[in-house]
Structure formats: C-alpha cells, structure tokens
Amino acid sequence: MLKIQRAVIFDMDGVITDSEPLYAEAMDIVLSKHGIALAPEDYRAVIGSSTAFTWQYVIDRFNLGGGIQEWIRVYDEAVAEILSAKTTASEGLHWLLDCSVSM
C-alpha cells in the first residue's frame, strides 16, 4: 500500500523572510565605508547569486583590493547584525507552519 507523505520545502530566499533587501543593505554598509555605491544595474547583475559570485563581481567591477574571503567576512558580519535586528516572518508563514504541524 502506498503511504502518502506531506512536506513543506523552503527552498528560496523570501519564503521565510524577505531578506534580499537586507542583504543589499549589508552590501551598502560594507561598500559605503570605501566610498562605493552600487547602482541598480549592479544589484540586478547579482540578485539571487551566491555570496562568492556577488563579491567577485563587486571586486572586479570596482577593482577592489584584498581577497574575496576578507570581503565576505566583513559582509557576513554586517548581514548577521542586520538579520538579527530587522528580520520579520513573511506573511502567512506562521499559518503555514501551524498547518504543517497539524497534518
């Protein structure tokens, strides 16, 4: 007999919380200390990409010195601070979780 399983998969940024604007804010904080501001087309070029791809793009675009790991470390610190202060659940998340528990 076939047993039916139910599951919820959270596979994309924005399902649990809309963090993409917060990632952009962290990038702005890190880069502003170096007099750099990303243009909308820069954000469009990297949105949804990995952190490594994003920072390699920024390093190449602005001819930044230093290694990628150092940029990522500073960025990760900014992200952690912003996420801990500003993260809110996406609308409907609590309802979805309550439903999945009662299944």
PDB file of N, CA and C in Angstrom:
ATOM      1  N   MET A   1       0.842  -1.177   0.000  1.00  0.00           N
ATOM      2  CA  MET A   1       0.000   0.000   0.000  1.00  0.00           C
ATOM      3  C   MET A   1       0.892   1.247   0.000  1.00  0.00           C
ATOM      4  N   LEU A   2       0.519   2.217  -0.783  1.00  0.00           N
ATOM      5  CA  LEU A   2       1.258   3.470  -0.906  1.00  0.00           C
ATOM      6  C   LEU A   2       0.904   4.392   0.253  1.00  0.00           C
ATOM      7  N   LYS A   3       1.930   4.851   0.955  1.00  0.00           N
ATOM      8  CA  LYS A   3       1.720   5.774   2.057  1.00  0.00           C
ATOM      9  C   LYS A   3       2.031   7.185   1.573  1.00  0.00           C
ATOM     10  N   ILE A   4       1.103   8.094   1.767  1.00  0.00           N
ATOM     11  CA  ILE A   4       1.273   9.485   1.325  1.00  0.00           C
ATOM     12  C   ILE A   4       1.954  10.281   2.425  1.00  0.00           C
ATOM     13  N   GLN A   5       3.033  10.960   2.057  1.00  0.00           N
ATOM     14  CA  GLN A   5       3.763  11.834   2.977  1.00  0.00           C
ATOM     15  C   GLN A   5       3.474  13.284   2.585  1.00  0.00           C
ATOM     16  N   ARG A   6       3.455  14.145   3.562  1.00  0.00           N
ATOM     17  CA  ARG A   6       3.260  15.573   3.298  1.00  0.00           C
ATOM     18  C   ARG A   6       4.479  16.311   3.814  1.00  0.00           C
ATOM     19  N   ALA A   7       4.886  17.313   3.049  1.00  0.00           N
ATOM     20  CA  ALA A   7       6.065  18.079   3.449  1.00  0.00           C
ATOM     21  C   ALA A   7       5.968  19.490   2.900  1.00  0.00           C
ATOM     22  N   VAL A   8       6.665  20.370   3.538  1.00  0.00           N
ATOM     23  CA  VAL A   8       6.820  21.738   3.061  1.00  0.00           C
ATOM     24  C   VAL A   8       8.311  21.957   2.870  1.00  0.00           C
ATOM     25  N   ILE A   9       8.672  22.435   1.704  1.00  0.00           N
ATOM     26  CA  ILE A   9      10.084  22.687   1.411  1.00  0.00           C
ATOM     27  C   ILE A   9      10.286  24.194   1.267  1.00  0.00           C
ATOM     28  N   PHE A  10      11.190  24.722   2.072  1.00  0.00           N
ATOM     29  CA  PHE A  10      11.552  26.135   1.983  1.00  0.00           C
ATOM     30  C   PHE A  10      12.833  26.205   1.173  1.00  0.00           C
ATOM     31  N   ASP A  11      12.698  26.508  -0.113  1.00  0.00           N
ATOM     32  CA  ASP A  11      13.860  26.396  -0.984  1.00  0.00           C
ATOM     33  C   ASP A  11      14.369  27.714  -1.549  1.00  0.00           C
ATOM     34  N   MET A  12      13.688  28.789  -1.336  1.00  0.00           N
ATOM     35  CA  MET A  12      14.102  30.047  -1.951  1.00  0.00           C
ATOM     36  C   MET A  12      14.123  31.166  -0.922  1.00  0.00           C
ATOM     37  N   ASP A  13      15.047  32.092  -1.124  1.00  0.00           N
ATOM     38  CA  ASP A  13      15.081  33.278  -0.291  1.00  0.00           C
ATOM     39  C   ASP A  13      13.744  34.001  -0.456  1.00  0.00           C
ATOM     40  N   GLY A  14      13.186  34.453   0.632  1.00  0.00           N
ATOM     41  CA  GLY A  14      11.921  35.163   0.582  1.00  0.00           C
ATOM     42  C   GLY A  14      10.745  34.333   1.033  1.00  0.00           C
ATOM     43  N   VAL A  15      10.930  33.038   1.228  1.00  0.00           N
ATOM     44  CA  VAL A  15       9.836  32.195   1.686  1.00  0.00           C
ATOM     45  C   VAL A  15       9.608  32.403   3.183  1.00  0.00           C
ATOM     46  N   ILE A  16      10.669  32.368   3.957  1.00  0.00           N
ATOM     47  CA  ILE A  16      10.547  32.535   5.397  1.00  0.00           C
ATOM     48  C   ILE A  16      10.562  34.015   5.768  1.00  0.00           C
ATOM     49  N   THR A  17      11.427  34.770   5.122  1.00  0.00           N
ATOM     50  CA  THR A  17      11.501  36.216   5.328  1.00  0.00           C
ATOM     51  C   THR A  17      12.041  36.844   4.051  1.00  0.00           C
ATOM     52  N   ASP A  18      11.689  38.088   3.809  1.00  0.00           N
ATOM     53  CA  ASP A  18      12.187  38.782   2.618  1.00  0.00           C
ATOM     54  C   ASP A  18      13.544  39.383   2.951  1.00  0.00           C
ATOM     55  N   SER A  19      14.568  38.587   2.818  1.00  0.00           N
ATOM     56  CA  SER A  19      15.900  39.017   3.247  1.00  0.00           C
ATOM     57  C   SER A  19      16.717  39.690   2.152  1.00  0.00           C
ATOM     58  N   GLU A  20      16.290  39.596   0.914  1.00  0.00           N
ATOM     59  CA  GLU A  20      17.084  40.189  -0.169  1.00  0.00           C
ATOM     60  C   GLU A  20      17.374  41.677   0.055  1.00  0.00           C
ATOM     61  N   PRO A  21      16.388  42.494   0.459  1.00  0.00           N
ATOM     62  CA  PRO A  21      16.706  43.904   0.739  1.00  0.00           C
ATOM     63  C   PRO A  21      17.697  44.062   1.890  1.00  0.00           C
ATOM     64  N   LEU A  22      17.680  43.149   2.833  1.00  0.00           N
ATOM     65  CA  LEU A  22      18.604  43.220   3.953  1.00  0.00           C
ATOM     66  C   LEU A  22      20.025  42.870   3.515  1.00  0.00           C
ATOM     67  N   TYR A  23      20.155  41.924   2.580  1.00  0.00           N
ATOM     68  CA  TYR A  23      21.475  41.601   2.025  1.00  0.00           C
ATOM     69  C   TYR A  23      22.032  42.800   1.270  1.00  0.00           C
ATOM     70  N   ALA A  24      21.163  43.480   0.519  1.00  0.00           N
ATOM     71  CA  ALA A  24      21.592  44.681  -0.209  1.00  0.00           C
ATOM     72  C   ALA A  24      22.029  45.770   0.766  1.00  0.00           C
ATOM     73  N   GLU A  25      21.303  45.909   1.855  1.00  0.00           N
ATOM     74  CA  GLU A  25      21.669  46.898   2.874  1.00  0.00           C
ATOM     75  C   GLU A  25      23.044  46.587   3.464  1.00  0.00           C
ATOM     76  N   ALA A  26      23.307  45.320   3.735  1.00  0.00           N
ATOM     77  CA  ALA A  26      24.611  44.926   4.275  1.00  0.00           C
ATOM     78  C   ALA A  26      25.720  45.244   3.275  1.00  0.00           C
ATOM     79  N   MET A  27      25.462  44.985   2.015  1.00  0.00           N
ATOM     80  CA  MET A  27      26.457  45.290   0.991  1.00  0.00           C
ATOM     81  C   MET A  27      26.703  46.797   0.927  1.00  0.00           C
ATOM     82  N   ASP A  28      25.624  47.561   1.010  1.00  0.00           N
ATOM     83  CA  ASP A  28      25.761  49.021   1.007  1.00  0.00           C
ATOM     84  C   ASP A  28      26.606  49.501   2.188  1.00  0.00           C
ATOM     85  N   ILE A  29      26.385  48.929   3.347  1.00  0.00           N
ATOM     86  CA  ILE A  29      27.142  49.316   4.550  1.00  0.00           C
ATOM     87  C   ILE A  29      28.632  49.045   4.346  1.00  0.00           C
ATOM     88  N   VAL A  30      28.951  47.859   3.858  1.00  0.00           N
ATOM     89  CA  VAL A  30      30.353  47.485   3.656  1.00  0.00           C
ATOM     90  C   VAL A  30      31.003  48.386   2.610  1.00  0.00           C
ATOM     91  N   LEU A  31      30.340  48.586   1.488  1.00  0.00           N
ATOM     92  CA  LEU A  31      30.937  49.354   0.399  1.00  0.00           C
ATOM     93  C   LEU A  31      30.986  50.849   0.672  1.00  0.00           C
ATOM     94  N   SER A  32      30.005  51.365   1.404  1.00  0.00           N
ATOM     95  CA  SER A  32      29.992  52.810   1.678  1.00  0.00           C
ATOM     96  C   SER A  32      31.222  53.243   2.471  1.00  0.00           C
ATOM     97  N   LYS A  33      31.773  52.344   3.265  1.00  0.00           N
ATOM     98  CA  LYS A  33      32.992  52.644   4.019  1.00  0.00           C
ATOM     99  C   LYS A  33      34.187  52.868   3.096  1.00  0.00           C
ATOM    100  N   HIS A  34      34.023  52.487   1.831  1.00  0.00           N
ATOM    101  CA  HIS A  34      35.080  52.643   0.837  1.00  0.00           C
ATOM    102  C   HIS A  34      34.667  53.625  -0.262  1.00  0.00           C
ATOM    103  N   GLY A  35      33.591  54.382   0.000  1.00  0.00           N
ATOM    104  CA  GLY A  35      33.129  55.383  -0.957  1.00  0.00           C
ATOM    105  C   GLY A  35      32.479  54.818  -2.195  1.00  0.00           C
ATOM    106  N   ILE A  36      31.944  53.605  -2.080  1.00  0.00           N
ATOM    107  CA  ILE A  36      31.337  52.933  -3.232  1.00  0.00           C
ATOM    108  C   ILE A  36      29.844  52.771  -3.004  1.00  0.00           C
ATOM    109  N   ALA A  37      29.077  53.055  -4.042  1.00  0.00           N
ATOM    110  CA  ALA A  37      27.627  52.839  -4.016  1.00  0.00           C
ATOM    111  C   ALA A  37      27.251  52.021  -5.247  1.00  0.00           C
ATOM    112  N   LEU A  38      26.547  50.933  -5.029  1.00  0.00           N
ATOM    113  CA  LEU A  38      26.105  50.118  -6.154  1.00  0.00           C
ATOM    114  C   LEU A  38      24.921  50.775  -6.847  1.00  0.00           C
ATOM    115  N   ALA A  39      24.916  50.701  -8.162  1.00  0.00           N
ATOM    116  CA  ALA A  39      23.804  51.195  -8.972  1.00  0.00           C
ATOM    117  C   ALA A  39      22.767  50.084  -9.103  1.00  0.00           C
ATOM    118  N   PRO A  40      21.537  50.445  -9.446  1.00  0.00           N
ATOM    119  CA  PRO A  40      20.500  49.406  -9.612  1.00  0.00           C
ATOM    120  C   PRO A  40      20.917  48.284 -10.563  1.00  0.00           C
ATOM    121  N   GLU A  41      21.650  48.613 -11.618  1.00  0.00           N
ATOM    122  CA  GLU A  41      22.070  47.563 -12.554  1.00  0.00           C
ATOM    123  C   GLU A  41      23.078  46.604 -11.918  1.00  0.00           C
ATOM    124  N   ASP A  42      23.857  47.092 -10.945  1.00  0.00           N
ATOM    125  CA  ASP A  42      24.762  46.201 -10.218  1.00  0.00           C
ATOM    126  C   ASP A  42      23.967  45.205  -9.383  1.00  0.00           C
ATOM    127  N   TYR A  43      22.942  45.686  -8.711  1.00  0.00           N
ATOM    128  CA  TYR A  43      22.100  44.783  -7.924  1.00  0.00           C
ATOM    129  C   TYR A  43      21.430  43.751  -8.825  1.00  0.00           C
ATOM    130  N   ARG A  44      20.930  44.208  -9.972  1.00  0.00           N
ATOM    131  CA  ARG A  44      20.276  43.273 -10.894  1.00  0.00           C
ATOM    132  C   ARG A  44      21.244  42.204 -11.396  1.00  0.00           C
ATOM    133  N   ALA A  45      22.518  42.552 -11.524  1.00  0.00           N
ATOM    134  CA  ALA A  45      23.513  41.608 -12.032  1.00  0.00           C
ATOM    135  C   ALA A  45      23.802  40.486 -11.040  1.00  0.00           C
ATOM    136  N   VAL A  46      23.563  40.721  -9.750  1.00  0.00           N
ATOM    137  CA  VAL A  46      23.949  39.731  -8.746  1.00  0.00           C
ATOM    138  C   VAL A  46      22.794  39.159  -7.933  1.00  0.00           C
ATOM    139  N   ILE A  47      21.609  39.733  -8.036  1.00  0.00           N
ATOM    140  CA  ILE A  47      20.493  39.271  -7.206  1.00  0.00           C
ATOM    141  C   ILE A  47      20.238  37.778  -7.445  1.00  0.00           C
ATOM    142  N   GLY A  48      20.120  37.055  -6.367  1.00  0.00           N
ATOM    143  CA  GLY A  48      19.873  35.624  -6.444  1.00  0.00           C
ATOM    144  C   GLY A  48      21.133  34.787  -6.621  1.00  0.00           C
ATOM    145  N   SER A  49      22.274  35.447  -6.714  1.00  0.00           N
ATOM    146  CA  SER A  49      23.545  34.741  -6.904  1.00  0.00           C
ATOM    147  C   SER A  49      24.161  34.368  -5.561  1.00  0.00           C
ATOM    148  N   SER A  50      25.165  33.524  -5.623  1.00  0.00           N
ATOM    149  CA  SER A  50      25.876  33.146  -4.406  1.00  0.00           C
ATOM    150  C   SER A  50      26.677  34.333  -3.882  1.00  0.00           C
ATOM    151  N   THR A  51      27.033  34.259  -2.610  1.00  0.00           N
ATOM    152  CA  THR A  51      27.840  35.310  -1.998  1.00  0.00           C
ATOM    153  C   THR A  51      29.187  35.418  -2.709  1.00  0.00           C
ATOM    154  N   ALA A  52      29.793  34.296  -3.034  1.00  0.00           N
ATOM    155  CA  ALA A  52      31.093  34.313  -3.714  1.00  0.00           C
ATOM    156  C   ALA A  52      30.988  34.969  -5.088  1.00  0.00           C
ATOM    157  N   PHE A  53      29.960  34.633  -5.850  1.00  0.00           N
ATOM    158  CA  PHE A  53      29.774  35.253  -7.171  1.00  0.00           C
ATOM    159  C   PHE A  53      29.564  36.749  -7.024  1.00  0.00           C
ATOM    160  N   THR A  54      28.718  37.129  -6.082  1.00  0.00           N
ATOM    161  CA  THR A  54      28.398  38.541  -5.870  1.00  0.00           C
ATOM    162  C   THR A  54      29.650  39.335  -5.538  1.00  0.00           C
ATOM    163  N   TRP A  55      30.427  38.840  -4.596  1.00  0.00           N
ATOM    164  CA  TRP A  55      31.617  39.589  -4.191  1.00  0.00           C
ATOM    165  C   TRP A  55      32.689  39.579  -5.256  1.00  0.00           C
ATOM    166  N   GLN A  56      32.803  38.523  -6.036  1.00  0.00           N
ATOM    167  CA  GLN A  56      33.763  38.540  -7.141  1.00  0.00           C
ATOM    168  C   GLN A  56      33.339  39.588  -8.172  1.00  0.00           C
ATOM    169  N   TYR A  57      32.047  39.685  -8.429  1.00  0.00           N
ATOM    170  CA  TYR A  57      31.524  40.705  -9.341  1.00  0.00           C
ATOM    171  C   TYR A  57      31.883  42.104  -8.826  1.00  0.00           C
ATOM    172  N   VAL A  58      31.625  42.342  -7.543  1.00  0.00           N
ATOM    173  CA  VAL A  58      31.889  43.664  -6.954  1.00  0.00           C
ATOM    174  C   VAL A  58      33.384  43.974  -6.970  1.00  0.00           C
ATOM    175  N   ILE A  59      34.204  43.005  -6.607  1.00  0.00           N
ATOM    176  CA  ILE A  59      35.656  43.196  -6.609  1.00  0.00           C
ATOM    177  C   ILE A  59      36.144  43.552  -8.017  1.00  0.00           C
ATOM    178  N   ASP A  60      35.668  42.815  -9.012  1.00  0.00           N
ATOM    179  CA  ASP A  60      36.065  43.083 -10.402  1.00  0.00           C
ATOM    180  C   ASP A  60      35.513  44.422 -10.893  1.00  0.00           C
ATOM    181  N   ARG A  61      34.262  44.690 -10.586  1.00  0.00           N
ATOM    182  CA  ARG A  61      33.588  45.909 -11.069  1.00  0.00           C
ATOM    183  C   ARG A  61      34.261  47.166 -10.546  1.00  0.00           C
ATOM    184  N   PHE A  62      34.683  47.146  -9.286  1.00  0.00           N
ATOM    185  CA  PHE A  62      35.251  48.342  -8.666  1.00  0.00           C
ATOM    186  C   PHE A  62      36.762  48.228  -8.434  1.00  0.00           C
ATOM    187  N   ASN A  63      37.367  47.175  -8.986  1.00  0.00           N
ATOM    188  CA  ASN A  63      38.806  46.978  -8.882  1.00  0.00           C
ATOM    189  C   ASN A  63      39.272  47.088  -7.430  1.00  0.00           C
ATOM    190  N   LEU A  64      38.613  46.340  -6.565  1.00  0.00           N
ATOM    191  CA  LEU A  64      38.905  46.392  -5.135  1.00  0.00           C
ATOM    192  C   LEU A  64      40.106  45.522  -4.793  1.00  0.00           C
ATOM    193  N   GLY A  65      40.878  45.984  -3.842  1.00  0.00           N
ATOM    194  CA  GLY A  65      41.993  45.199  -3.346  1.00  0.00           C
ATOM    195  C   GLY A  65      41.523  44.251  -2.257  1.00  0.00           C
ATOM    196  N   GLY A  66      42.434  43.422  -1.825  1.00  0.00           N
ATOM    197  CA  GLY A  66      42.094  42.467  -0.772  1.00  0.00           C
ATOM    198  C   GLY A  66      41.500  41.206  -1.359  1.00  0.00           C
ATOM    199  N   GLY A  67      41.506  40.180  -0.552  1.00  0.00           N
ATOM    200  CA  GLY A  67      40.975  38.901  -1.010  1.00  0.00           C
ATOM    201  C   GLY A  67      39.470  38.798  -0.827  1.00  0.00           C
ATOM    202  N   ILE A  68      38.875  37.951  -1.616  1.00  0.00           N
ATOM    203  CA  ILE A  68      37.420  37.771  -1.561  1.00  0.00           C
ATOM    204  C   ILE A  68      36.972  37.300  -0.178  1.00  0.00           C
ATOM    205  N   GLN A  69      37.758  36.453   0.465  1.00  0.00           N
ATOM    206  CA  GLN A  69      37.351  35.935   1.777  1.00  0.00           C
ATOM    207  C   GLN A  69      37.250  37.048   2.813  1.00  0.00           C
ATOM    208  N   GLU A  70      38.126  38.031   2.740  1.00  0.00           N
ATOM    209  CA  GLU A  70      38.049  39.156   3.687  1.00  0.00           C
ATOM    210  C   GLU A  70      36.795  39.987   3.435  1.00  0.00           C
ATOM    211  N   TRP A  71      36.474  40.247   2.173  1.00  0.00           N
ATOM    212  CA  TRP A  71      35.248  40.994   1.855  1.00  0.00           C
ATOM    213  C   TRP A  71      34.018  40.225   2.347  1.00  0.00           C
ATOM    214  N   ILE A  72      34.000  38.937   2.108  1.00  0.00           N
ATOM    215  CA  ILE A  72      32.866  38.113   2.543  1.00  0.00           C
ATOM    216  C   ILE A  72      32.762  38.088   4.063  1.00  0.00           C
ATOM    217  N   ARG A  73      33.884  38.017   4.755  1.00  0.00           N
ATOM    218  CA  ARG A  73      33.857  38.006   6.227  1.00  0.00           C
ATOM    219  C   ARG A  73      33.223  39.289   6.768  1.00  0.00           C
ATOM    220  N   VAL A  74      33.626  40.429   6.249  1.00  0.00           N
ATOM    221  CA  VAL A  74      33.072  41.719   6.698  1.00  0.00           C
ATOM    222  C   VAL A  74      31.589  41.809   6.333  1.00  0.00           C
ATOM    223  N   TYR A  75      31.262  41.357   5.142  1.00  0.00           N
ATOM    224  CA  TYR A  75      29.864  41.344   4.695  1.00  0.00           C
ATOM    225  C   TYR A  75      29.013  40.429   5.578  1.00  0.00           C
ATOM    226  N   ASP A  76      29.507  39.226   5.874  1.00  0.00           N
ATOM    227  CA  ASP A  76      28.763  38.292   6.726  1.00  0.00           C
ATOM    228  C   ASP A  76      28.487  38.891   8.105  1.00  0.00           C
ATOM    229  N   GLU A  77      29.439  39.628   8.633  1.00  0.00           N
ATOM    230  CA  GLU A  77      29.226  40.297   9.920  1.00  0.00           C
ATOM    231  C   GLU A  77      28.096  41.323   9.820  1.00  0.00           C
ATOM    232  N   ALA A  78      28.090  42.095   8.735  1.00  0.00           N
ATOM    233  CA  ALA A  78      27.025  43.082   8.531  1.00  0.00           C
ATOM    234  C   ALA A  78      25.677  42.398   8.346  1.00  0.00           C
ATOM    235  N   VAL A  79      25.649  41.308   7.595  1.00  0.00           N
ATOM    236  CA  VAL A  79      24.407  40.555   7.376  1.00  0.00           C
ATOM    237  C   VAL A  79      23.865  40.033   8.701  1.00  0.00           C
ATOM    238  N   ALA A  80      24.724  39.434   9.506  1.00  0.00           N
ATOM    239  CA  ALA A  80      24.284  38.873  10.792  1.00  0.00           C
ATOM    240  C   ALA A  80      23.689  39.954  11.679  1.00  0.00           C
ATOM    241  N   GLU A  81      24.318  41.107  11.717  1.00  0.00           N
ATOM    242  CA  GLU A  81      23.804  42.201  12.542  1.00  0.00           C
ATOM    243  C   GLU A  81      22.448  42.689  12.041  1.00  0.00           C
ATOM    244  N   ILE A  82      22.317  42.865  10.744  1.00  0.00           N
ATOM    245  CA  ILE A  82      21.055  43.342  10.169  1.00  0.00           C
ATOM    246  C   ILE A  82      19.948  42.303  10.341  1.00  0.00           C
ATOM    247  N   LEU A  83      20.237  41.041  10.036  1.00  0.00           N
ATOM    248  CA  LEU A  83      19.212  39.999  10.154  1.00  0.00           C
ATOM    249  C   LEU A  83      18.729  39.854  11.590  1.00  0.00           C
ATOM    250  N   SER A  84      19.631  39.982  12.545  1.00  0.00           N
ATOM    251  CA  SER A  84      19.206  39.838  13.939  1.00  0.00           C
ATOM    252  C   SER A  84      18.361  41.025  14.396  1.00  0.00           C
ATOM    253  N   ALA A  85      18.508  42.161  13.760  1.00  0.00           N
ATOM    254  CA  ALA A  85      17.772  43.357  14.171  1.00  0.00           C
ATOM    255  C   ALA A  85      16.485  43.594  13.380  1.00  0.00           C
ATOM    256  N   LYS A  86      16.437  43.136  12.131  1.00  0.00           N
ATOM    257  CA  LYS A  86      15.341  43.557  11.245  1.00  0.00           C
ATOM    258  C   LYS A  86      14.508  42.436  10.633  1.00  0.00           C
ATOM    259  N   THR A  87      14.802  41.203  10.911  1.00  0.00           N
ATOM    260  CA  THR A  87      14.106  40.109  10.245  1.00  0.00           C
ATOM    261  C   THR A  87      12.694  39.933  10.795  1.00  0.00           C
ATOM    262  N   THR A  88      11.747  39.834   9.881  1.00  0.00           N
ATOM    263  CA  THR A  88      10.367  39.515  10.247  1.00  0.00           C
ATOM    264  C   THR A  88       9.882  38.373   9.351  1.00  0.00           C
ATOM    265  N   ALA A  89       8.967  37.598   9.861  1.00  0.00           N
ATOM    266  CA  ALA A  89       8.434  36.468   9.100  1.00  0.00           C
ATOM    267  C   ALA A  89       7.577  36.959   7.944  1.00  0.00           C
ATOM    268  N   SER A  90       7.665  36.251   6.830  1.00  0.00           N
ATOM    269  CA  SER A  90       6.818  36.549   5.685  1.00  0.00           C
ATOM    270  C   SER A  90       5.359  36.327   6.053  1.00  0.00           C
ATOM    271  N   GLU A  91       4.491  37.087   5.420  1.00  0.00           N
ATOM    272  CA  GLU A  91       3.053  36.950   5.674  1.00  0.00           C
ATOM    273  C   GLU A  91       2.619  35.526   5.366  1.00  0.00           C
ATOM    274  N   GLY A  92       1.914  34.915   6.279  1.00  0.00           N
ATOM    275  CA  GLY A  92       1.404  33.569   6.095  1.00  0.00           C
ATOM    276  C   GLY A  92       2.328  32.466   6.579  1.00  0.00           C
ATOM    277  N   LEU A  93       3.540  32.800   6.969  1.00  0.00           N
ATOM    278  CA  LEU A  93       4.477  31.761   7.399  1.00  0.00           C
ATOM    279  C   LEU A  93       3.981  31.034   8.639  1.00  0.00           C
ATOM    280  N   HIS A  94       3.528  31.774   9.639  1.00  0.00           N
ATOM    281  CA  HIS A  94       3.062  31.131  10.870  1.00  0.00           C
ATOM    282  C   HIS A  94       1.862  30.225  10.591  1.00  0.00           C
ATOM    283  N   TRP A  95       0.975  30.668   9.740  1.00  0.00           N
ATOM    284  CA  TRP A  95      -0.181  29.848   9.366  1.00  0.00           C
ATOM    285  C   TRP A  95       0.288  28.565   8.690  1.00  0.00           C
ATOM    286  N   LEU A  96       1.234  28.687   7.754  1.00  0.00           N
ATOM    287  CA  LEU A  96       1.739  27.518   7.050  1.00  0.00           C
ATOM    288  C   LEU A  96       2.385  26.529   8.008  1.00  0.00           C
ATOM    289  N   LEU A  97       3.178  27.049   8.931  1.00  0.00           N
ATOM    290  CA  LEU A  97       3.824  26.160   9.894  1.00  0.00           C
ATOM    291  C   LEU A  97       2.809  25.483  10.808  1.00  0.00           C
ATOM    292  N   ASP A  98       1.801  26.235  11.228  1.00  0.00           N
ATOM    293  CA  ASP A  98       0.745  25.657  12.074  1.00  0.00           C
ATOM    294  C   ASP A  98       0.004  24.547  11.318  1.00  0.00           C
ATOM    295  N   CYS A  99      -0.269  24.766  10.040  1.00  0.00           N
ATOM    296  CA  CYS A  99      -0.958  23.758   9.227  1.00  0.00           C
ATOM    297  C   CYS A  99      -0.107  22.514   9.050  1.00  0.00           C
ATOM    298  N   SER A 100       1.185  22.709   8.828  1.00  0.00           N
ATOM    299  CA  SER A 100       2.043  21.559   8.588  1.00  0.00           C
ATOM    300  C   SER A 100       2.208  20.707   9.850  1.00  0.00           C
ATOM    301  N   VAL A 101       2.152  21.330  11.018  1.00  0.00           N
ATOM    302  CA  VAL A 101       2.258  20.588  12.262  1.00  0.00           C
ATOM    303  C   VAL A 101       0.997  19.759  12.497  1.00  0.00           C
ATOM    304  N   SER A 102      -0.143  20.303  12.106  1.00  0.00           N
ATOM    305  CA  SER A 102      -1.400  19.599  12.359  1.00  0.00           C
ATOM    306  C   SER A 102      -1.699  18.527  11.323  1.00  0.00           C
ATOM    307  N   MET A 103      -0.896  18.406  10.289  1.00  0.00           N
ATOM    308  CA  MET A 103      -1.134  17.390   9.249  1.00  0.00           C
ATOM    309  C   MET A 103      -0.826  16.068   9.807  1.00  0.00           C
TER     310      MET A 103
END
